[in-house]
Amino acid sequence: MSDVQSVQTIRSQTLAQLEAIRADPKPSYWIDGQRVLWQEYADSLQRTVDWCDQKLVDNEPFEIRSQGQ
């Protein structure tokens, strides 16, 4: 699997997680002394998607045009 394919897979899986938690939002809560903050989790997932998007853009082929005189 290439790096681009890995990033595409990470992006796809992260979007699926993000969609699932947004479809059934839950309140933040404490469990066994640990705080679960759903909005922070959603924000973290969105940052991962944004990172993947940037990596994919960075790997797109590009063309440089120049003109000599």
C-alpha atoms as a PDB file:
ATOM      1  CA  MET A   1       0.000   0.000   0.000  1.00  0.00           C
ATOM      2  CA  SER A   2       1.406   3.400  -0.970  1.00  0.00           C
ATOM      3  CA  ASP A   3       1.563   6.421   1.331  1.00  0.00           C
ATOM      4  CA  VAL A   4      -1.242   8.081  -0.612  1.00  0.00           C
ATOM      5  CA  GLN A   5      -3.425   5.005  -0.230  1.00  0.00           C
ATOM      6  CA  SER A   6      -2.683   4.914   3.502  1.00  0.00           C
ATOM      7  CA  VAL A   7      -3.688   8.566   3.903  1.00  0.00           C
ATOM      8  CA  GLN A   8      -6.857   7.943   1.863  1.00  0.00           C
ATOM      9  CA  THR A   9      -7.709   4.990   4.125  1.00  0.00           C
ATOM     10  CA  ILE A  10      -7.089   7.019   7.299  1.00  0.00           C
ATOM     11  CA  ARG A  11      -9.259   9.830   5.910  1.00  0.00           C
ATOM     12  CA  SER A  12     -12.076   7.468   4.986  1.00  0.00           C
ATOM     13  CA  GLN A  13     -12.065   5.715   8.370  1.00  0.00           C
ATOM     14  CA  THR A  14     -11.907   9.013  10.252  1.00  0.00           C
ATOM     15  CA  LEU A  15     -14.823  10.443   8.256  1.00  0.00           C
ATOM     16  CA  ALA A  16     -16.859   7.327   9.092  1.00  0.00           C
ATOM     17  CA  GLN A  17     -16.125   7.806  12.816  1.00  0.00           C
ATOM     18  CA  LEU A  18     -16.971  11.497  12.600  1.00  0.00           C
ATOM     19  CA  GLU A  19     -20.231  10.780  10.807  1.00  0.00           C
ATOM     20  CA  ALA A  20     -21.187   8.179  13.414  1.00  0.00           C
ATOM     21  CA  ILE A  21     -20.648  10.449  16.417  1.00  0.00           C
ATOM     22  CA  ARG A  22     -22.407  13.367  14.734  1.00  0.00           C
ATOM     23  CA  ALA A  23     -25.388  11.167  13.873  1.00  0.00           C
ATOM     24  CA  ASP A  24     -25.791  10.200  17.537  1.00  0.00           C
ATOM     25  CA  PRO A  25     -24.196  12.963  19.640  1.00  0.00           C
ATOM     26  CA  LYS A  26     -23.562  12.220  23.285  1.00  0.00           C
ATOM     27  CA  PRO A  27     -22.954  14.530  26.217  1.00  0.00           C
ATOM     28  CA  SER A  28     -19.556  14.742  27.868  1.00  0.00           C
ATOM     29  CA  TYR A  29     -19.267  12.697  31.062  1.00  0.00           C
ATOM     30  CA  TRP A  30     -16.967  11.299  33.736  1.00  0.00           C
ATOM     31  CA  ILE A  31     -16.185   7.580  33.992  1.00  0.00           C
ATOM     32  CA  ASP A  32     -13.728   6.059  36.451  1.00  0.00           C
ATOM     33  CA  GLY A  33     -12.215   9.481  37.109  1.00  0.00           C
ATOM     34  CA  GLN A  34     -11.665  10.207  33.414  1.00  0.00           C
ATOM     35  CA  ARG A  35     -13.569  12.867  31.503  1.00  0.00           C
ATOM     36  CA  VAL A  36     -14.942  11.978  28.067  1.00  0.00           C
ATOM     37  CA  LEU A  37     -15.406  15.108  25.977  1.00  0.00           C
ATOM     38  CA  TRP A  38     -17.259  14.263  22.770  1.00  0.00           C
ATOM     39  CA  GLN A  39     -16.825  17.673  21.155  1.00  0.00           C
ATOM     40  CA  GLU A  40     -13.068  17.536  21.675  1.00  0.00           C
ATOM     41  CA  TYR A  41     -13.060  14.051  20.169  1.00  0.00           C
ATOM     42  CA  ALA A  42     -15.032  15.314  17.141  1.00  0.00           C
ATOM     43  CA  ASP A  43     -12.634  18.257  16.805  1.00  0.00           C
ATOM     44  CA  SER A  44      -9.684  15.859  16.906  1.00  0.00           C
ATOM     45  CA  LEU A  45     -11.231  13.739  14.167  1.00  0.00           C
ATOM     46  CA  GLN A  46     -11.825  16.842  12.046  1.00  0.00           C
ATOM     47  CA  ARG A  47      -8.174  17.858  12.474  1.00  0.00           C
ATOM     48  CA  THR A  48      -7.161  14.389  11.265  1.00  0.00           C
ATOM     49  CA  VAL A  49      -9.350  14.776   8.158  1.00  0.00           C
ATOM     50  CA  ASP A  50      -7.844  18.223   7.527  1.00  0.00           C
ATOM     51  CA  TRP A  51      -4.326  16.766   7.883  1.00  0.00           C
ATOM     52  CA  CYS A  52      -5.180  14.005   5.408  1.00  0.00           C
ATOM     53  CA  ASP A  53      -6.599  16.534   2.958  1.00  0.00           C
ATOM     54  CA  GLN A  54      -3.380  18.561   3.109  1.00  0.00           C
ATOM     55  CA  LYS A  55      -1.213  15.469   2.610  1.00  0.00           C
ATOM     56  CA  LEU A  56      -3.274  14.459  -0.416  1.00  0.00           C
ATOM     57  CA  VAL A  57      -3.010  17.964  -1.904  1.00  0.00           C
ATOM     58  CA  ASP A  58       0.758  17.908  -1.315  1.00  0.00           C
ATOM     59  CA  ASN A  59       0.998  14.673  -3.318  1.00  0.00           C
ATOM     60  CA  GLU A  60      -0.966  15.882  -6.330  1.00  0.00           C
ATOM     61  CA  PRO A  61       1.075  16.277  -9.476  1.00  0.00           C
ATOM     62  CA  PHE A  62       1.746  19.843 -10.508  1.00  0.00           C
ATOM     63  CA  GLU A  63       3.013  21.647 -13.544  1.00  0.00           C
ATOM     64  CA  ILE A  64       5.338  24.620 -13.675  1.00  0.00           C
ATOM     65  CA  ARG A  65       5.108  26.795 -16.742  1.00  0.00           C
ATOM     66  CA  SER A  66       7.880  29.158 -17.625  1.00  0.00           C
ATOM     67  CA  GLN A  67       8.727  31.167 -20.646  1.00  0.00           C
ATOM     68  CA  GLY A  68      12.203  32.133 -21.734  1.00  0.00           C
ATOM     69  CA  GLN A  69      13.029  35.401 -23.429  1.00  0.00           C
END
